[in-house]
Amino acid sequence: MNQFIMFLDEQLEIYRRQEQELLAEDCKDDANFIKIKANVCGICKTLYQVACKKEEEALIASEYTRLL
């Protein structure tokens, strides 16, 4: 899990730098496209984190019910 999150964080940082560079070059359309890519990457990160948390909660619940 941590490796995937780290990968997404790295991608987000790359996209943020690219966006700033493009804005500095007055390439607003390209900067907006990169911003969209960053947003999609951020959404994927959030969904992955939620899925991992739900899976962990389900494992804990199943272990608890097994012990009863």
Protein backbone atom coordinates (compact mmCIF):
# COMPACT_ATOMS: atom_id res chain seq x y z
CA MET A 1 0.00 0.00 0.00
CA ASN A 2 2.66 2.48 0.99
CA GLN A 3 4.54 2.06 -2.29
CA PHE A 4 1.46 2.91 -4.34
CA ILE A 5 0.71 5.95 -2.17
CA MET A 6 4.32 7.07 -2.50
CA PHE A 7 4.09 6.67 -6.28
CA LEU A 8 0.92 8.77 -6.39
CA ASP A 9 2.51 11.43 -4.18
CA GLU A 10 5.50 11.59 -6.51
CA GLN A 11 3.22 11.92 -9.52
CA LEU A 12 1.27 14.68 -7.82
CA GLU A 13 4.48 16.59 -7.15
CA ILE A 14 5.60 16.16 -10.76
CA TYR A 15 2.24 17.41 -12.01
CA ARG A 16 2.35 20.42 -9.68
CA ARG A 17 5.82 21.38 -10.92
CA GLN A 18 4.79 20.92 -14.54
CA GLU A 19 1.71 23.06 -13.98
CA GLN A 20 3.78 25.87 -12.44
CA GLU A 21 6.31 25.72 -15.27
CA LEU A 22 3.58 25.89 -17.89
CA LEU A 23 1.90 28.79 -16.13
CA ALA A 24 5.23 30.63 -16.05
CA GLU A 25 5.50 30.06 -19.82
CA ASP A 26 1.95 31.41 -20.24
CA CYS A 27 0.64 28.05 -21.50
CA LYS A 28 -2.64 28.11 -19.61
CA ASP A 29 -4.39 25.39 -21.61
CA ASP A 30 -1.53 22.95 -21.10
CA ALA A 31 -1.31 23.91 -17.42
CA ASN A 32 -5.04 23.24 -17.03
CA PHE A 33 -4.62 19.81 -18.63
CA ILE A 34 -1.83 18.95 -16.19
CA LYS A 35 -3.99 20.22 -13.33
CA ILE A 36 -6.74 17.82 -14.43
CA LYS A 37 -4.23 14.95 -14.43
CA ALA A 38 -3.18 15.93 -10.91
CA ASN A 39 -6.81 16.01 -9.78
CA VAL A 40 -7.45 12.54 -11.22
CA CYS A 41 -4.31 11.27 -9.49
CA GLY A 42 -5.49 12.82 -6.21
CA ILE A 43 -8.90 11.19 -6.59
CA CYS A 44 -7.27 7.81 -7.22
CA LYS A 45 -5.15 8.25 -4.10
CA THR A 46 -8.20 9.07 -1.98
CA LEU A 47 -10.22 6.14 -3.34
CA TYR A 48 -7.32 3.75 -2.77
CA GLN A 49 -6.87 4.94 0.81
CA VAL A 50 -10.59 4.54 1.53
CA ALA A 51 -10.63 1.06 -0.01
CA CYS A 52 -7.64 0.01 2.08
CA LYS A 53 -9.25 1.34 5.24
CA LYS A 54 -12.53 -0.46 4.49
CA GLU A 55 -10.67 -3.70 3.80
CA GLU A 56 -8.79 -3.36 7.08
CA GLU A 57 -12.03 -2.72 8.97
CA ALA A 58 -13.65 -5.75 7.33
CA LEU A 59 -10.70 -7.95 8.32
CA ILE A 60 -10.90 -6.74 11.90
CA ALA A 61 -14.66 -7.36 12.01
CA SER A 62 -14.33 -10.85 10.57
CA GLU A 63 -11.56 -11.70 13.03
CA TYR A 64 -13.71 -10.38 15.90
CA THR A 65 -16.77 -12.41 14.84
CA ARG A 66 -14.59 -15.51 14.37
CA LEU A 67 -13.43 -15.22 17.97
CA LEU A 68 -17.01 -15.07 19.29
